PDB file of N, CA and C in Angstrom:
ATOM      1  N   MET A   1      74.282  29.322  43.144  1.00  0.00           N
ATOM      2  CA  MET A   1      74.357  30.766  43.188  1.00  0.00           C
ATOM      3  C   MET A   1      74.508  31.266  44.621  1.00  0.00           C
ATOM      4  N   PHE A   2      73.587  30.808  45.500  1.00  0.00           N
ATOM      5  CA  PHE A   2      73.659  31.263  46.884  1.00  0.00           C
ATOM      6  C   PHE A   2      74.895  30.727  47.592  1.00  0.00           C
ATOM      7  N   ASP A   3      75.331  29.524  47.203  1.00  0.00           N
ATOM      8  CA  ASP A   3      76.551  28.978  47.789  1.00  0.00           C
ATOM      9  C   ASP A   3      77.744  29.881  47.478  1.00  0.00           C
ATOM     10  N   ASP A   4      77.797  30.408  46.261  1.00  0.00           N
ATOM     11  CA  ASP A   4      78.876  31.320  45.881  1.00  0.00           C
ATOM     12  C   ASP A   4      78.817  32.588  46.708  1.00  0.00           C
ATOM     13  N   ILE A   5      77.605  33.125  46.871  1.00  0.00           N
ATOM     14  CA  ILE A   5      77.443  34.361  47.647  1.00  0.00           C
ATOM     15  C   ILE A   5      77.815  34.122  49.101  1.00  0.00           C
ATOM     16  N   LEU A   6      77.316  33.032  49.682  1.00  0.00           N
ATOM     17  CA  LEU A   6      77.617  32.735  51.080  1.00  0.00           C
ATOM     18  C   LEU A   6      79.098  32.456  51.284  1.00  0.00           C
ATOM     19  N   GLY A   7      79.707  31.760  50.334  1.00  0.00           N
ATOM     20  CA  GLY A   7      81.142  31.507  50.422  1.00  0.00           C
ATOM     21  C   GLY A   7      81.923  32.800  50.400  1.00  0.00           C
ATOM     22  N   ASP A   8      81.516  33.727  49.533  1.00  0.00           N
ATOM     23  CA  ASP A   8      82.179  35.025  49.447  1.00  0.00           C
ATOM     24  C   ASP A   8      81.986  35.818  50.738  1.00  0.00           C
ATOM     25  N   VAL A   9      80.776  35.778  51.290  1.00  0.00           N
ATOM     26  CA  VAL A   9      80.498  36.486  52.547  1.00  0.00           C
ATOM     27  C   VAL A   9      81.355  35.916  53.668  1.00  0.00           C
ATOM     28  N   ASN A  10      81.428  34.589  53.751  1.00  0.00           N
ATOM     29  CA  ASN A  10      82.246  33.969  54.800  1.00  0.00           C
ATOM     30  C   ASN A  10      83.717  34.331  54.638  1.00  0.00           C
ATOM     31  N   GLU A  11      84.181  34.340  53.408  1.00  0.00           N
ATOM     32  CA  GLU A  11      85.572  34.713  53.148  1.00  0.00           C
ATOM     33  C   GLU A  11      85.822  36.168  53.540  1.00  0.00           C
ATOM     34  N   GLN A  12      84.888  37.038  53.182  1.00  0.00           N
ATOM     35  CA  GLN A  12      85.026  38.454  53.536  1.00  0.00           C
ATOM     36  C   GLN A  12      84.970  38.652  55.052  1.00  0.00           C
ATOM     37  N   GLN A  13      84.093  37.890  55.711  1.00  0.00           N
ATOM     38  CA  GLN A  13      83.992  37.979  57.174  1.00  0.00           C
ATOM     39  C   GLN A  13      85.305  37.554  57.825  1.00  0.00           C
ATOM     40  N   ASP A  14      85.926  36.515  57.313  1.00  0.00           N
ATOM     41  CA  ASP A  14      87.219  36.077  57.839  1.00  0.00           C
ATOM     42  C   ASP A  14      88.271  37.173  57.664  1.00  0.00           C
ATOM     43  N   LYS A  15      88.227  37.855  56.512  1.00  0.00           N
ATOM     44  CA  LYS A  15      89.169  38.952  56.271  1.00  0.00           C
ATOM     45  C   LYS A  15      88.938  40.099  57.255  1.00  0.00           C
ATOM     46  N   ILE A  16      87.672  40.396  57.530  1.00  0.00           N
ATOM     47  CA  ILE A  16      87.360  41.462  58.496  1.00  0.00           C
ATOM     48  C   ILE A  16      87.869  41.077  59.876  1.00  0.00           C
ATOM     49  N   GLU A  17      87.623  39.843  60.273  1.00  0.00           N
ATOM     50  CA  GLU A  17      88.084  39.382  61.590  1.00  0.00           C
ATOM     51  C   GLU A  17      89.601  39.566  61.719  1.00  0.00           C
ATOM     52  N   ALA A  18      90.318  39.179  60.680  1.00  0.00           N
ATOM     53  CA  ALA A  18      91.779  39.319  60.695  1.00  0.00           C
ATOM     54  C   ALA A  18      92.176  40.797  60.754  1.00  0.00           C
ATOM     55  N   LYS A  19      91.465  41.628  60.012  1.00  0.00           N
ATOM     56  CA  LYS A  19      91.775  43.061  59.988  1.00  0.00           C
ATOM     57  C   LYS A  19      91.503  43.701  61.350  1.00  0.00           C
ATOM     58  N   LEU A  20      90.416  43.297  62.003  1.00  0.00           N
ATOM     59  CA  LEU A  20      90.081  43.848  63.317  1.00  0.00           C
ATOM     60  C   LEU A  20      91.157  43.511  64.347  1.00  0.00           C
ATOM     61  N   LYS A  21      91.768  42.353  64.200  1.00  0.00           N
ATOM     62  CA  LYS A  21      92.835  41.963  65.114  1.00  0.00           C
ATOM     63  C   LYS A  21      94.078  42.830  64.942  1.00  0.00           C
ATOM     64  N   GLU A  22      94.238  43.431  63.746  1.00  0.00           N
ATOM     65  CA  GLU A  22      95.418  44.242  63.463  1.00  0.00           C
ATOM     66  C   GLU A  22      95.346  45.636  64.091  1.00  0.00           C
ATOM     67  N   TYR A  23      94.145  46.136  64.351  1.00  0.00           N
ATOM     68  CA  TYR A  23      94.004  47.459  64.960  1.00  0.00           C
ATOM     69  C   TYR A  23      94.518  47.423  66.395  1.00  0.00           C
ATOM     70  N   GLU A  24      95.198  48.482  66.799  1.00  0.00           N
ATOM     71  CA  GLU A  24      95.555  48.656  68.207  1.00  0.00           C
ATOM     72  C   GLU A  24      94.960  49.966  68.677  1.00  0.00           C
ATOM     73  N   ILE A  25      94.102  49.863  69.662  1.00  0.00           N
ATOM     74  CA  ILE A  25      93.419  51.023  70.216  1.00  0.00           C
ATOM     75  C   ILE A  25      94.035  51.304  71.576  1.00  0.00           C
ATOM     76  N   LEU A  26      94.607  52.494  71.731  1.00  0.00           N
ATOM     77  CA  LEU A  26      95.198  52.917  73.002  1.00  0.00           C
ATOM     78  C   LEU A  26      94.295  53.971  73.613  1.00  0.00           C
ATOM     79  N   LYS A  27      93.847  53.718  74.816  1.00  0.00           N
ATOM     80  CA  LYS A  27      93.054  54.702  75.559  1.00  0.00           C
ATOM     81  C   LYS A  27      93.710  54.917  76.904  1.00  0.00           C
ATOM     82  N   LYS A  28      93.728  56.187  77.309  1.00  0.00           N
ATOM     83  CA  LYS A  28      94.293  56.559  78.605  1.00  0.00           C
ATOM     84  C   LYS A  28      93.202  57.195  79.450  1.00  0.00           C
ATOM     85  N   SER A  29      93.328  57.034  80.764  1.00  0.00           N
ATOM     86  CA  SER A  29      92.430  57.753  81.655  1.00  0.00           C
ATOM     87  C   SER A  29      92.742  59.239  81.532  1.00  0.00           C
ATOM     88  N   GLU A  30      91.878  60.061  82.075  1.00  0.00           N
ATOM     89  CA  GLU A  30      91.972  61.516  81.902  1.00  0.00           C
ATOM     90  C   GLU A  30      93.355  62.080  82.201  1.00  0.00           C
ATOM     91  N   HIS A  31      93.989  61.607  83.250  1.00  0.00           N
ATOM     92  CA  HIS A  31      95.302  62.128  83.643  1.00  0.00           C
ATOM     93  C   HIS A  31      96.427  61.125  83.398  1.00  0.00           C
ATOM     94  N   GLY A  32      96.142  60.065  82.638  1.00  0.00           N
ATOM     95  CA  GLY A  32      97.162  59.107  82.256  1.00  0.00           C
ATOM     96  C   GLY A  32      97.544  58.097  83.314  1.00  0.00           C
ATOM     97  N   GLU A  33      96.733  57.980  84.356  1.00  0.00           N
ATOM     98  CA  GLU A  33      97.061  57.013  85.414  1.00  0.00           C
ATOM     99  C   GLU A  33      96.944  55.570  84.920  1.00  0.00           C
ATOM    100  N   VAL A  34      96.027  55.362  83.979  1.00  0.00           N
ATOM    101  CA  VAL A  34      95.753  54.026  83.462  1.00  0.00           C
ATOM    102  C   VAL A  34      95.762  54.091  81.940  1.00  0.00           C
ATOM    103  N   GLU A  35      96.406  53.096  81.311  1.00  0.00           N
ATOM    104  CA  GLU A  35      96.398  52.966  79.858  1.00  0.00           C
ATOM    105  C   GLU A  35      95.916  51.560  79.501  1.00  0.00           C
ATOM    106  N   VAL A  36      95.076  51.487  78.482  1.00  0.00           N
ATOM    107  CA  VAL A  36      94.548  50.209  78.019  1.00  0.00           C
ATOM    108  C   VAL A  36      94.792  50.121  76.516  1.00  0.00           C
ATOM    109  N   ILE A  37      95.287  48.981  76.072  1.00  0.00           N
ATOM    110  CA  ILE A  37      95.442  48.717  74.642  1.00  0.00           C
ATOM    111  C   ILE A  37      94.620  47.473  74.325  1.00  0.00           C
ATOM    112  N   LEU A  38      93.758  47.613  73.313  1.00  0.00           N
ATOM    113  CA  LEU A  38      93.012  46.457  72.838  1.00  0.00           C
ATOM    114  C   LEU A  38      92.895  46.531  71.335  1.00  0.00           C
ATOM    115  N   ASN A  39      92.488  45.417  70.723  1.00  0.00           N
ATOM    116  CA  ASN A  39      92.278  45.433  69.282  1.00  0.00           C
ATOM    117  C   ASN A  39      90.797  45.636  69.010  1.00  0.00           C
ATOM    118  N   ALA A  40      90.437  45.770  67.747  1.00  0.00           N
ATOM    119  CA  ALA A  40      89.045  46.045  67.401  1.00  0.00           C
ATOM    120  C   ALA A  40      88.141  44.836  67.557  1.00  0.00           C
ATOM    121  N   LYS A  41      88.718  43.666  67.874  1.00  0.00           N
ATOM    122  CA  LYS A  41      87.910  42.503  68.234  1.00  0.00           C
ATOM    123  C   LYS A  41      87.635  42.480  69.737  1.00  0.00           C
ATOM    124  N   LYS A  42      88.109  43.509  70.421  1.00  0.00           N
ATOM    125  CA  LYS A  42      87.927  43.694  71.861  1.00  0.00           C
ATOM    126  C   LYS A  42      88.765  42.736  72.703  1.00  0.00           C
ATOM    127  N   ASP A  43      89.887  42.290  72.146  1.00  0.00           N
ATOM    128  CA  ASP A  43      90.845  41.517  72.928  1.00  0.00           C
ATOM    129  C   ASP A  43      91.755  42.515  73.632  1.00  0.00           C
ATOM    130  N   ILE A  44      91.819  42.470  74.951  1.00  0.00           N
ATOM    131  CA  ILE A  44      92.706  43.361  75.692  1.00  0.00           C
ATOM    132  C   ILE A  44      94.132  42.857  75.506  1.00  0.00           C
ATOM    133  N   LEU A  45      94.986  43.743  75.007  1.00  0.00           N
ATOM    134  CA  LEU A  45      96.369  43.389  74.731  1.00  0.00           C
ATOM    135  C   LEU A  45      97.302  43.806  75.864  1.00  0.00           C
ATOM    136  N   ASP A  46      96.972  44.910  76.547  1.00  0.00           N
ATOM    137  CA  ASP A  46      97.849  45.385  77.615  1.00  0.00           C
ATOM    138  C   ASP A  46      97.096  46.382  78.492  1.00  0.00           C
ATOM    139  N   ILE A  47      97.433  46.385  79.762  1.00  0.00           N
ATOM    140  CA  ILE A  47      96.950  47.388  80.712  1.00  0.00           C
ATOM    141  C   ILE A  47      98.155  47.874  81.491  1.00  0.00           C
ATOM    142  N   SER A  48      98.326  49.195  81.526  1.00  0.00           N
ATOM    143  CA  SER A  48      99.421  49.797  82.296  1.00  0.00           C
ATOM    144  C   SER A  48      98.833  50.689  83.385  1.00  0.00           C
ATOM    145  N   ILE A  49      99.388  50.569  84.567  1.00  0.00           N
ATOM    146  CA  ILE A  49      98.976  51.413  85.690  1.00  0.00           C
ATOM    147  C   ILE A  49     100.182  52.261  86.048  1.00  0.00           C
ATOM    148  N   ASN A  50     100.043  53.570  85.857  1.00  0.00           N
ATOM    149  CA  ASN A  50     101.165  54.491  85.963  1.00  0.00           C
ATOM    150  C   ASN A  50     101.151  55.310  87.249  1.00  0.00           C
ATOM    151  N   LYS A  51     100.501  54.811  88.263  1.00  0.00           N
ATOM    152  CA  LYS A  51     100.398  55.540  89.527  1.00  0.00           C
ATOM    153  C   LYS A  51     100.163  54.527  90.642  1.00  0.00           C
ATOM    154  N   GLN A  52     100.653  54.829  91.813  1.00  0.00           N
ATOM    155  CA  GLN A  52     100.333  54.019  92.984  1.00  0.00           C
ATOM    156  C   GLN A  52      98.984  54.480  93.527  1.00  0.00           C
ATOM    157  N   PHE A  53      98.093  53.542  93.742  1.00  0.00           N
ATOM    158  CA  PHE A  53      96.760  53.884  94.241  1.00  0.00           C
ATOM    159  C   PHE A  53      96.622  53.418  95.678  1.00  0.00           C
ATOM    160  N   GLU A  54      96.179  54.323  96.525  1.00  0.00           N
ATOM    161  CA  GLU A  54      95.898  53.962  97.913  1.00  0.00           C
ATOM    162  C   GLU A  54      94.521  53.311  98.012  1.00  0.00           C
ATOM    163  N   ASP A  55      93.682  53.641  97.072  1.00  0.00           N
ATOM    164  CA  ASP A  55      92.298  53.185  97.093  1.00  0.00           C
ATOM    165  C   ASP A  55      92.028  52.339  95.844  1.00  0.00           C
ATOM    166  N   ASN A  56      91.776  51.063  96.040  1.00  0.00           N
ATOM    167  CA  ASN A  56      91.500  50.182  94.895  1.00  0.00           C
ATOM    168  C   ASN A  56      90.249  50.602  94.136  1.00  0.00           C
ATOM    169  N   ALA A  57      89.305  51.215  94.818  1.00  0.00           N
ATOM    170  CA  ALA A  57      88.071  51.638  94.158  1.00  0.00           C
ATOM    171  C   ALA A  57      88.371  52.671  93.076  1.00  0.00           C
ATOM    172  N   GLU A  58      89.302  53.579  93.330  1.00  0.00           N
ATOM    173  CA  GLU A  58      89.675  54.578  92.325  1.00  0.00           C
ATOM    174  C   GLU A  58      90.287  53.895  91.102  1.00  0.00           C
ATOM    175  N   LEU A  59      91.190  52.955  91.337  1.00  0.00           N
ATOM    176  CA  LEU A  59      91.813  52.211  90.237  1.00  0.00           C
ATOM    177  C   LEU A  59      90.755  51.441  89.445  1.00  0.00           C
ATOM    178  N   GLU A  60      89.875  50.772  90.130  1.00  0.00           N
ATOM    179  CA  GLU A  60      88.823  50.007  89.466  1.00  0.00           C
ATOM    180  C   GLU A  60      87.945  50.906  88.610  1.00  0.00           C
ATOM    181  N   ASP A  61      87.559  52.079  89.144  1.00  0.00           N
ATOM    182  CA  ASP A  61      86.738  53.020  88.382  1.00  0.00           C
ATOM    183  C   ASP A  61      87.461  53.495  87.128  1.00  0.00           C
ATOM    184  N   LEU A  62      88.742  53.822  87.259  1.00  0.00           N
ATOM    185  CA  LEU A  62      89.512  54.269  86.104  1.00  0.00           C
ATOM    186  C   LEU A  62      89.640  53.170  85.055  1.00  0.00           C
ATOM    187  N   LEU A  63      89.862  51.949  85.497  1.00  0.00           N
ATOM    188  CA  LEU A  63      89.942  50.828  84.558  1.00  0.00           C
ATOM    189  C   LEU A  63      88.630  50.643  83.801  1.00  0.00           C
ATOM    190  N   VAL A  64      87.520  50.672  84.507  1.00  0.00           N
ATOM    191  CA  VAL A  64      86.214  50.493  83.869  1.00  0.00           C
ATOM    192  C   VAL A  64      85.971  51.601  82.842  1.00  0.00           C
ATOM    193  N   LEU A  65      86.191  52.854  83.227  1.00  0.00           N
ATOM    194  CA  LEU A  65      85.964  53.975  82.316  1.00  0.00           C
ATOM    195  C   LEU A  65      86.865  53.892  81.081  1.00  0.00           C
ATOM    196  N   THR A  66      88.131  53.589  81.297  1.00  0.00           N
ATOM    197  CA  THR A  66      89.093  53.559  80.200  1.00  0.00           C
ATOM    198  C   THR A  66      88.820  52.383  79.262  1.00  0.00           C
ATOM    199  N   ILE A  67      88.531  51.222  79.814  1.00  0.00           N
ATOM    200  CA  ILE A  67      88.211  50.051  78.986  1.00  0.00           C
ATOM    201  C   ILE A  67      86.937  50.298  78.194  1.00  0.00           C
ATOM    202  N   ASN A  68      85.935  50.909  78.817  1.00  0.00           N
ATOM    203  CA  ASN A  68      84.689  51.182  78.105  1.00  0.00           C
ATOM    204  C   ASN A  68      84.906  52.143  76.938  1.00  0.00           C
ATOM    205  N   LYS A  69      85.757  53.145  77.104  1.00  0.00           N
ATOM    206  CA  LYS A  69      86.079  54.061  75.999  1.00  0.00           C
ATOM    207  C   LYS A  69      86.738  53.295  74.850  1.00  0.00           C
ATOM    208  N   ALA A  70      87.659  52.419  75.186  1.00  0.00           N
ATOM    209  CA  ALA A  70      88.352  51.640  74.159  1.00  0.00           C
ATOM    210  C   ALA A  70      87.380  50.687  73.456  1.00  0.00           C
ATOM    211  N   MET A  71      86.483  50.066  74.208  1.00  0.00           N
ATOM    212  CA  MET A  71      85.500  49.151  73.625  1.00  0.00           C
ATOM    213  C   MET A  71      84.578  49.897  72.665  1.00  0.00           C
ATOM    214  N   LYS A  72      84.182  51.115  73.030  1.00  0.00           N
ATOM    215  CA  LYS A  72      83.316  51.911  72.164  1.00  0.00           C
ATOM    216  C   LYS A  72      84.016  52.207  70.839  1.00  0.00           C
ATOM    217  N   GLU A  73      85.309  52.540  70.903  1.00  0.00           N
ATOM    218  CA  GLU A  73      86.061  52.785  69.678  1.00  0.00           C
ATOM    219  C   GLU A  73      86.169  51.502  68.850  1.00  0.00           C
ATOM    220  N   ALA A  74      86.364  50.369  69.512  1.00  0.00           N
ATOM    221  CA  ALA A  74      86.418  49.091  68.803  1.00  0.00           C
ATOM    222  C   ALA A  74      85.093  48.812  68.099  1.00  0.00           C
ATOM    223  N   ASP A  75      83.977  49.119  68.756  1.00  0.00           N
ATOM    224  CA  ASP A  75      82.663  48.944  68.131  1.00  0.00           C
ATOM    225  C   ASP A  75      82.542  49.801  66.871  1.00  0.00           C
ATOM    226  N   ASN A  76      83.018  51.049  66.954  1.00  0.00           N
ATOM    227  CA  ASN A  76      82.945  51.951  65.794  1.00  0.00           C
ATOM    228  C   ASN A  76      83.774  51.419  64.627  1.00  0.00           C
ATOM    229  N   ILE A  77      84.961  50.925  64.914  1.00  0.00           N
ATOM    230  CA  ILE A  77      85.820  50.364  63.861  1.00  0.00           C
ATOM    231  C   ILE A  77      85.160  49.134  63.248  1.00  0.00           C
ATOM    232  N   ALA A  78      84.625  48.252  64.085  1.00  0.00           N
ATOM    233  CA  ALA A  78      83.977  47.034  63.582  1.00  0.00           C
ATOM    234  C   ALA A  78      82.765  47.386  62.716  1.00  0.00           C
ATOM    235  N   ALA A  79      82.002  48.405  63.114  1.00  0.00           N
ATOM    236  CA  ALA A  79      80.836  48.814  62.327  1.00  0.00           C
ATOM    237  C   ALA A  79      81.265  49.346  60.963  1.00  0.00           C
ATOM    238  N   LYS A  80      82.346  50.123  60.936  1.00  0.00           N
ATOM    239  CA  LYS A  80      82.849  50.637  59.657  1.00  0.00           C
ATOM    240  C   LYS A  80      83.307  49.498  58.753  1.00  0.00           C
ATOM    241  N   GLU A  81      84.001  48.529  59.314  1.00  0.00           N
ATOM    242  CA  GLU A  81      84.474  47.396  58.527  1.00  0.00           C
ATOM    243  C   GLU A  81      83.301  46.562  58.010  1.00  0.00           C
ATOM    244  N   ALA A  82      82.264  46.384  58.827  1.00  0.00           N
ATOM    245  CA  ALA A  82      81.082  45.642  58.396  1.00  0.00           C
ATOM    246  C   ALA A  82      80.371  46.389  57.267  1.00  0.00           C
ATOM    247  N   GLN A  83      80.312  47.710  57.380  1.00  0.00           N
ATOM    248  CA  GLN A  83      79.684  48.508  56.323  1.00  0.00           C
ATOM    249  C   GLN A  83      80.490  48.401  55.033  1.00  0.00           C
ATOM    250  N   ASN A  84      81.807  48.423  55.151  1.00  0.00           N
ATOM    251  CA  ASN A  84      82.650  48.248  53.963  1.00  0.00           C
ATOM    252  C   ASN A  84      82.400  46.893  53.311  1.00  0.00           C
ATOM    253  N   LEU A  85      82.245  45.849  54.135  1.00  0.00           N
ATOM    254  CA  LEU A  85      81.939  44.517  53.599  1.00  0.00           C
ATOM    255  C   LEU A  85      80.604  44.541  52.872  1.00  0.00           C
ATOM    256  N   LEU A  86      79.603  45.134  53.489  1.00  0.00           N
ATOM    257  CA  LEU A  86      78.283  45.202  52.870  1.00  0.00           C
ATOM    258  C   LEU A  86      78.347  45.960  51.546  1.00  0.00           C
ATOM    259  N   ASN A  87      79.071  47.062  51.532  1.00  0.00           N
ATOM    260  CA  ASN A  87      79.204  47.848  50.304  1.00  0.00           C
ATOM    261  C   ASN A  87      79.891  47.055  49.197  1.00  0.00           C
ATOM    262  N   SER A  88      80.844  46.207  49.570  1.00  0.00           N
ATOM    263  CA  SER A  88      81.562  45.433  48.559  1.00  0.00           C
ATOM    264  C   SER A  88      80.732  44.275  48.012  1.00  0.00           C
ATOM    265  N   ILE A  89      79.764  43.810  48.787  1.00  0.00           N
ATOM    266  CA  ILE A  89      78.954  42.660  48.382  1.00  0.00           C
ATOM    267  C   ILE A  89      77.704  43.090  47.609  1.00  0.00           C
ATOM    268  N   MET A  90      77.071  44.165  48.064  1.00  0.00           N
ATOM    269  CA  MET A  90      75.794  44.587  47.474  1.00  0.00           C
ATOM    270  C   MET A  90      76.000  45.256  46.132  1.00  0.00           C
ATOM    271  N   PRO A  91      75.105  44.987  45.196  1.00  0.00           N
ATOM    272  CA  PRO A  91      75.192  45.685  43.913  1.00  0.00           C
ATOM    273  C   PRO A  91      75.049  47.190  44.113  1.00  0.00           C
ATOM    274  N   GLY A  92      75.630  47.975  43.239  1.00  0.00           N
ATOM    275  CA  GLY A  92      75.674  49.423  43.340  1.00  0.00           C
ATOM    276  C   GLY A  92      74.427  50.062  43.891  1.00  0.00           C
ATOM    277  N   GLY A  93      74.592  50.794  44.981  1.00  0.00           N
ATOM    278  CA  GLY A  93      73.509  51.571  45.563  1.00  0.00           C
ATOM    279  C   GLY A  93      72.624  50.838  46.526  1.00  0.00           C
ATOM    280  N   LEU A  94      72.550  49.517  46.495  1.00  0.00           N
ATOM    281  CA  LEU A  94      71.632  48.792  47.375  1.00  0.00           C
ATOM    282  C   LEU A  94      72.093  48.766  48.825  1.00  0.00           C
ATOM    283  N   SER A  95      73.391  48.943  49.081  1.00  0.00           N
ATOM    284  CA  SER A  95      73.871  48.907  50.458  1.00  0.00           C
ATOM    285  C   SER A  95      73.272  50.043  51.275  1.00  0.00           C
ATOM    286  N   GLY A  96      72.845  51.119  50.618  1.00  0.00           N
ATOM    287  CA  GLY A  96      72.212  52.238  51.325  1.00  0.00           C
ATOM    288  C   GLY A  96      70.918  51.850  52.004  1.00  0.00           C
ATOM    289  N   LEU A  97      70.314  50.779  51.574  1.00  0.00           N
ATOM    290  CA  LEU A  97      69.100  50.305  52.216  1.00  0.00           C
ATOM    291  C   LEU A  97      69.331  49.846  53.652  1.00  0.00           C
ATOM    292  N   PHE A  98      70.595  49.530  53.971  1.00  0.00           N
ATOM    293  CA  PHE A  98      70.940  49.010  55.286  1.00  0.00           C
ATOM    294  C   PHE A  98      71.710  50.026  56.112  1.00  0.00           C
ATOM    295  N   GLY A  99      71.543  51.286  55.840  1.00  0.00           N
ATOM    296  CA  GLY A  99      72.152  52.331  56.653  1.00  0.00           C
ATOM    297  C   GLY A  99      73.493  52.792  56.148  1.00  0.00           C
ATOM    298  N   GLY A 100      73.922  52.416  54.950  1.00  0.00           N
ATOM    299  CA  GLY A 100      75.235  52.785  54.449  1.00  0.00           C
ATOM    300  C   GLY A 100      75.306  54.094  53.777  1.00  0.00           C
TER     301      GLY A 100
END
């Protein structure tokens, strides 16, 4: 019985992992100087720098801020997908016990 449940959970987890890789999250700095694209598994797919920077510190700050915004969105997507998995596995209504 538990082997069936665990097998189903592992299969569903693999599906979520694949689905998270399909998301593309594009975040831009406030004025578009820096663009970051990553997937919901937090793999950085691309970084574009659309301005010449005289000061590397400014570029570094923009990269950190922009990447952190994208990572936060990836976390939100992953949490939603995990909740969907929990809802699909738990018998009716019990998933609410875990914050759903």
